[in-house]
Amino acid sequence: MKLRNVFLAAVLILIIAFVALNWNAFLATTTVSFGVATIVAPLGMIMLGLLAVLAAVFLTYIVTLQTSVLLEARRHARELQAHRELADRAEASRFTELRRFIEGELQAVAVRDAESNAAIQARIDRMEQKLSMSLEESGNSMAAQLGEIEDRLEREAHRPVLPATVIRHEH
C-alpha cells in the first residue's frame, strides 16, 4: 500500500474513534442558526454530516479527476501508437527509397563500367591493329633493305676487279 493511502486510512480511523468517544456530545441538542432560520438540533451530528458531505464531494472529485486522467492517458497512448506506426511507415519508406537509389546507382556504375570496358577494349583493339601494321611495315622495310643488300652484293660479285692504282704524293 502507498504511504498516502495508509495516511488517509489512519486519519479516517482517528475521526471514527473521536466520534465514538464523544458520541453523547455529538447527540446533545442546541439552537443552531442558519442565518434565515433557527432550529434546535444536535450540532455534532450536523458537523459530522457536513464532514461526510464534504468527504463525498472530494471523493467524487478525485474519482472524476482520476477517470479523466486515465482517459487522457489512453488517448495519448493511442496517439503515440499512431505516431509510432506513422514513423515506422516513414522509416520503411525511406529504406525502400534508399534501396531503390542504391540499386539505381549500382546499375549506373555497372553501365559506366561496361562502357569503360568497351572503350578500353576498343582502344586495345586499335593498338593491336597499329602494332600489327607497324610490325608488318617493319618486316616489309627489313625485307626491302635485305633485298637491296643482296642486290648490292650480287652486283659487287659480278663486277670485275680493277688493279689498284697507287697515288703518290710528293712533298
C-alpha atoms as a PDB file:
ATOM      1  CA  MET A   1       0.000   0.000   0.000  1.00  0.00           C
ATOM      2  CA  LYS A   2       1.163   3.515  -0.700  1.00  0.00           C
ATOM      3  CA  LEU A   3       2.092   5.817   2.136  1.00  0.00           C
ATOM      4  CA  ARG A   4      -0.652   8.233   1.111  1.00  0.00           C
ATOM      5  CA  ASN A   5      -3.326   5.525   1.404  1.00  0.00           C
ATOM      6  CA  VAL A   6      -2.008   4.481   4.822  1.00  0.00           C
ATOM      7  CA  PHE A   7      -2.131   8.111   5.971  1.00  0.00           C
ATOM      8  CA  LEU A   8      -5.723   8.561   4.761  1.00  0.00           C
ATOM      9  CA  ALA A   9      -6.814   5.311   6.450  1.00  0.00           C
ATOM     10  CA  ALA A  10      -5.176   6.451   9.717  1.00  0.00           C
ATOM     11  CA  VAL A  11      -6.962   9.824   9.575  1.00  0.00           C
ATOM     12  CA  LEU A  12     -10.305   8.098   8.926  1.00  0.00           C
ATOM     13  CA  ILE A  13      -9.743   5.730  11.857  1.00  0.00           C
ATOM     14  CA  LEU A  14      -8.871   8.688  14.134  1.00  0.00           C
ATOM     15  CA  ILE A  15     -12.074  10.534  13.127  1.00  0.00           C
ATOM     16  CA  ILE A  16     -14.206   7.413  13.759  1.00  0.00           C
ATOM     17  CA  ALA A  17     -12.524   6.939  17.159  1.00  0.00           C
ATOM     18  CA  PHE A  18     -13.099  10.623  18.036  1.00  0.00           C
ATOM     19  CA  VAL A  19     -16.795  10.359  17.118  1.00  0.00           C
ATOM     20  CA  ALA A  20     -17.210   7.097  19.083  1.00  0.00           C
ATOM     21  CA  LEU A  21     -15.554   8.570  22.211  1.00  0.00           C
ATOM     22  CA  ASN A  22     -17.671  11.750  22.071  1.00  0.00           C
ATOM     23  CA  TRP A  23     -20.960  10.259  20.846  1.00  0.00           C
ATOM     24  CA  ASN A  24     -23.013  11.802  23.687  1.00  0.00           C
ATOM     25  CA  ALA A  25     -21.623  15.273  22.912  1.00  0.00           C
ATOM     26  CA  PHE A  26     -22.480  14.801  19.230  1.00  0.00           C
ATOM     27  CA  LEU A  27     -26.091  13.956  20.162  1.00  0.00           C
ATOM     28  CA  ALA A  28     -26.540  16.947  22.537  1.00  0.00           C
ATOM     29  CA  THR A  29     -29.139  19.340  21.078  1.00  0.00           C
ATOM     30  CA  THR A  30     -28.599  23.061  20.818  1.00  0.00           C
ATOM     31  CA  THR A  31     -30.048  26.015  18.973  1.00  0.00           C
ATOM     32  CA  VAL A  32     -28.418  26.324  15.555  1.00  0.00           C
ATOM     33  CA  SER A  33     -28.813  29.415  13.339  1.00  0.00           C
ATOM     34  CA  PHE A  34     -28.615  29.207   9.556  1.00  0.00           C
ATOM     35  CA  GLY A  35     -28.952  32.963   9.057  1.00  0.00           C
ATOM     36  CA  VAL A  36     -32.541  32.866   7.761  1.00  0.00           C
ATOM     37  CA  ALA A  37     -33.815  30.250  10.190  1.00  0.00           C
ATOM     38  CA  THR A  38     -33.027  28.908  13.636  1.00  0.00           C
ATOM     39  CA  ILE A  39     -33.545  25.248  14.598  1.00  0.00           C
ATOM     40  CA  VAL A  40     -32.891  23.022  17.584  1.00  0.00           C
ATOM     41  CA  ALA A  41     -30.692  20.055  16.516  1.00  0.00           C
ATOM     42  CA  PRO A  42     -27.574  18.238  17.610  1.00  0.00           C
ATOM     43  CA  LEU A  43     -24.648  20.419  16.403  1.00  0.00           C
ATOM     44  CA  GLY A  44     -22.204  17.488  16.397  1.00  0.00           C
ATOM     45  CA  MET A  45     -24.409  15.485  14.033  1.00  0.00           C
ATOM     46  CA  ILE A  46     -24.779  18.474  11.707  1.00  0.00           C
ATOM     47  CA  MET A  47     -20.983  18.950  11.663  1.00  0.00           C
ATOM     48  CA  LEU A  48     -20.482  15.198  11.151  1.00  0.00           C
ATOM     49  CA  GLY A  49     -22.980  15.286   8.255  1.00  0.00           C
ATOM     50  CA  LEU A  50     -21.187  18.260   6.707  1.00  0.00           C
ATOM     51  CA  LEU A  51     -17.892  16.367   7.068  1.00  0.00           C
ATOM     52  CA  ALA A  52     -19.459  13.325   5.345  1.00  0.00           C
ATOM     53  CA  VAL A  53     -20.878  15.505   2.518  1.00  0.00           C
ATOM     54  CA  LEU A  54     -17.510  17.243   2.100  1.00  0.00           C
ATOM     55  CA  ALA A  55     -15.723  13.862   2.026  1.00  0.00           C
ATOM     56  CA  ALA A  56     -18.218  12.587  -0.587  1.00  0.00           C
ATOM     57  CA  VAL A  57     -17.679  15.731  -2.714  1.00  0.00           C
ATOM     58  CA  PHE A  58     -13.891  15.304  -2.541  1.00  0.00           C
ATOM     59  CA  LEU A  59     -14.175  11.583  -3.264  1.00  0.00           C
ATOM     60  CA  THR A  60     -16.365  12.339  -6.292  1.00  0.00           C
ATOM     61  CA  TYR A  61     -13.871  14.986  -7.417  1.00  0.00           C
ATOM     62  CA  ILE A  62     -10.954  12.550  -7.028  1.00  0.00           C
ATOM     63  CA  VAL A  63     -12.773   9.792  -8.936  1.00  0.00           C
ATOM     64  CA  THR A  64     -13.705  12.243 -11.716  1.00  0.00           C
ATOM     65  CA  LEU A  65     -10.144  13.573 -11.880  1.00  0.00           C
ATOM     66  CA  GLN A  66      -8.660  10.061 -11.903  1.00  0.00           C
ATOM     67  CA  THR A  67     -11.079   8.973 -14.645  1.00  0.00           C
ATOM     68  CA  SER A  68     -10.234  11.986 -16.801  1.00  0.00           C
ATOM     69  CA  VAL A  69      -6.523  11.354 -16.285  1.00  0.00           C
ATOM     70  CA  LEU A  70      -6.935   7.694 -17.292  1.00  0.00           C
ATOM     71  CA  LEU A  71      -8.960   8.640 -20.375  1.00  0.00           C
ATOM     72  CA  GLU A  72      -6.370  11.273 -21.303  1.00  0.00           C
ATOM     73  CA  ALA A  73      -3.564   8.730 -20.812  1.00  0.00           C
ATOM     74  CA  ARG A  74      -5.365   6.252 -23.078  1.00  0.00           C
ATOM     75  CA  ARG A  75      -5.875   8.953 -25.706  1.00  0.00           C
ATOM     76  CA  HIS A  76      -2.201   9.868 -25.529  1.00  0.00           C
ATOM     77  CA  ALA A  77      -1.233   6.191 -25.760  1.00  0.00           C
ATOM     78  CA  ARG A  78      -3.377   5.793 -28.906  1.00  0.00           C
ATOM     79  CA  GLU A  79      -1.884   8.950 -30.417  1.00  0.00           C
ATOM     80  CA  LEU A  80       1.596   7.769 -29.512  1.00  0.00           C
ATOM     81  CA  GLN A  81       0.913   4.401 -31.137  1.00  0.00           C
ATOM     82  CA  ALA A  82      -0.448   6.138 -34.250  1.00  0.00           C
ATOM     83  CA  HIS A  83       2.650   8.363 -34.411  1.00  0.00           C
ATOM     84  CA  ARG A  84       4.896   5.336 -33.872  1.00  0.00           C
ATOM     85  CA  GLU A  85       3.185   3.485 -36.740  1.00  0.00           C
ATOM     86  CA  LEU A  86       3.469   6.588 -38.930  1.00  0.00           C
ATOM     87  CA  ALA A  87       7.169   6.885 -38.087  1.00  0.00           C
ATOM     88  CA  ASP A  88       7.664   3.169 -38.813  1.00  0.00           C
ATOM     89  CA  ARG A  89       5.960   3.541 -42.193  1.00  0.00           C
ATOM     90  CA  ALA A  90       8.026   6.638 -42.974  1.00  0.00           C
ATOM     91  CA  GLU A  91      11.204   4.816 -41.978  1.00  0.00           C
ATOM     92  CA  ALA A  92      10.240   1.816 -44.106  1.00  0.00           C
ATOM     93  CA  SER A  93       9.520   4.202 -46.972  1.00  0.00           C
ATOM     94  CA  ARG A  94      12.928   5.830 -46.537  1.00  0.00           C
ATOM     95  CA  PHE A  95      14.592   2.408 -46.508  1.00  0.00           C
ATOM     96  CA  THR A  96      12.729   1.433 -49.665  1.00  0.00           C
ATOM     97  CA  GLU A  97      13.690   4.711 -51.308  1.00  0.00           C
ATOM     98  CA  LEU A  98      17.307   4.262 -50.217  1.00  0.00           C
ATOM     99  CA  ARG A  99      17.336   0.714 -51.595  1.00  0.00           C
ATOM    100  CA  ARG A 100      15.952   1.968 -54.934  1.00  0.00           C
ATOM    101  CA  PHE A 101      18.528   4.760 -55.008  1.00  0.00           C
ATOM    102  CA  ILE A 102      21.380   2.348 -54.273  1.00  0.00           C
ATOM    103  CA  GLU A 103      20.124  -0.099 -56.908  1.00  0.00           C
ATOM    104  CA  GLY A 104      19.914   2.750 -59.431  1.00  0.00           C
ATOM    105  CA  GLU A 105      23.407   3.898 -58.561  1.00  0.00           C
ATOM    106  CA  LEU A 106      24.742   0.341 -58.837  1.00  0.00           C
ATOM    107  CA  GLN A 107      23.106  -0.010 -62.248  1.00  0.00           C
ATOM    108  CA  ALA A 108      24.593   3.330 -63.331  1.00  0.00           C
ATOM    109  CA  VAL A 109      28.022   2.181 -62.114  1.00  0.00           C
ATOM    110  CA  ALA A 110      27.584  -1.102 -63.984  1.00  0.00           C
ATOM    111  CA  VAL A 111      26.659   0.795 -67.166  1.00  0.00           C
ATOM    112  CA  ARG A 112      29.638   3.140 -66.779  1.00  0.00           C
ATOM    113  CA  ASP A 113      31.871   0.128 -66.095  1.00  0.00           C
ATOM    114  CA  ALA A 114      30.598  -1.656 -69.206  1.00  0.00           C
ATOM    115  CA  GLU A 115      31.104   1.499 -71.301  1.00  0.00           C
ATOM    116  CA  SER A 116      34.583   1.948 -69.875  1.00  0.00           C
ATOM    117  CA  ASN A 117      35.437  -1.700 -70.548  1.00  0.00           C
ATOM    118  CA  ALA A 118      34.116  -1.363 -74.103  1.00  0.00           C
ATOM    119  CA  ALA A 119      36.174   1.797 -74.668  1.00  0.00           C
ATOM    120  CA  ILE A 120      39.293   0.139 -73.250  1.00  0.00           C
ATOM    121  CA  GLN A 121      38.720  -2.957 -75.361  1.00  0.00           C
ATOM    122  CA  ALA A 122      38.251  -0.805 -78.479  1.00  0.00           C
ATOM    123  CA  ARG A 123      41.474   1.076 -77.708  1.00  0.00           C
ATOM    124  CA  ILE A 124      43.341  -2.204 -77.159  1.00  0.00           C
ATOM    125  CA  ASP A 125      41.985  -3.481 -80.494  1.00  0.00           C
ATOM    126  CA  ARG A 126      43.159  -0.297 -82.269  1.00  0.00           C
ATOM    127  CA  MET A 127      46.565  -0.576 -80.645  1.00  0.00           C
ATOM    128  CA  GLU A 128      46.823  -4.228 -81.680  1.00  0.00           C
ATOM    129  CA  GLN A 129      45.953  -3.249 -85.282  1.00  0.00           C
ATOM    130  CA  LYS A 130      48.533  -0.442 -85.241  1.00  0.00           C
ATOM    131  CA  LEU A 131      51.123  -2.771 -83.743  1.00  0.00           C
ATOM    132  CA  SER A 132      50.293  -5.406 -86.308  1.00  0.00           C
ATOM    133  CA  MET A 133      50.587  -2.844 -89.106  1.00  0.00           C
ATOM    134  CA  SER A 134      53.794  -1.491 -87.637  1.00  0.00           C
ATOM    135  CA  LEU A 135      55.272  -4.995 -87.416  1.00  0.00           C
ATOM    136  CA  GLU A 136      54.197  -5.686 -90.977  1.00  0.00           C
ATOM    137  CA  GLU A 137      55.741  -2.398 -92.169  1.00  0.00           C
ATOM    138  CA  SER A 138      58.906  -3.142 -90.209  1.00  0.00           C
ATOM    139  CA  GLY A 139      59.030  -6.613 -91.751  1.00  0.00           C
ATOM    140  CA  ASN A 140      58.461  -5.181 -95.231  1.00  0.00           C
ATOM    141  CA  SER A 141      61.044  -2.488 -94.640  1.00  0.00           C
ATOM    142  CA  MET A 142      63.555  -5.017 -93.377  1.00  0.00           C
ATOM    143  CA  ALA A 143      62.811  -7.314 -96.327  1.00  0.00           C
ATOM    144  CA  ALA A 144      63.309  -4.395 -98.689  1.00  0.00           C
ATOM    145  CA  GLN A 145      66.612  -3.464 -97.066  1.00  0.00           C
ATOM    146  CA  LEU A 146      67.770  -7.079 -97.143  1.00  0.00           C
ATOM    147  CA  GLY A 147      66.765  -7.211-100.814  1.00  0.00           C
ATOM    148  CA  GLU A 148      68.830  -4.079-101.505  1.00  0.00           C
ATOM    149  CA  ILE A 149      71.787  -5.525 -99.662  1.00  0.00           C
ATOM    150  CA  GLU A 150      71.500  -8.767-101.654  1.00  0.00           C
ATOM    151  CA  ASP A 151      71.288  -6.785-104.903  1.00  0.00           C
ATOM    152  CA  ARG A 152      74.416  -4.816-103.981  1.00  0.00           C
ATOM    153  CA  LEU A 153      76.267  -7.966-103.033  1.00  0.00           C
ATOM    154  CA  GLU A 154      75.277  -9.631-106.336  1.00  0.00           C
ATOM    155  CA  ARG A 155      76.357  -6.557-108.302  1.00  0.00           C
ATOM    156  CA  GLU A 156      79.617  -6.443-106.452  1.00  0.00           C
ATOM    157  CA  ALA A 157      80.156 -10.113-107.072  1.00  0.00           C
ATOM    158  CA  HIS A 158      79.693  -9.702-110.879  1.00  0.00           C
ATOM    159  CA  ARG A 159      81.811  -6.599-111.231  1.00  0.00           C
ATOM    160  CA  PRO A 160      85.436  -7.035-112.451  1.00  0.00           C
ATOM    161  CA  VAL A 161      88.190  -6.279-110.025  1.00  0.00           C
ATOM    162  CA  LEU A 162      90.425  -3.378-111.182  1.00  0.00           C
ATOM    163  CA  PRO A 163      94.019  -3.107-110.131  1.00  0.00           C
ATOM    164  CA  ALA A 164      94.603  -0.636-107.508  1.00  0.00           C
ATOM    165  CA  THR A 165      96.428   2.494-108.558  1.00  0.00           C
ATOM    166  CA  VAL A 166      98.864   3.946-106.237  1.00  0.00           C
ATOM    167  CA  ILE A 167      98.816   7.596-105.900  1.00  0.00           C
ATOM    168  CA  ARG A 168     101.934   9.208-104.755  1.00  0.00           C
ATOM    169  CA  HIS A 169     102.234  12.410-103.171  1.00  0.00           C
ATOM    170  CA  GLU A 170     105.286  14.434-103.393  1.00  0.00           C
ATOM    171  CA  HIS A 171     106.428  16.566-100.724  1.00  0.00           C
END
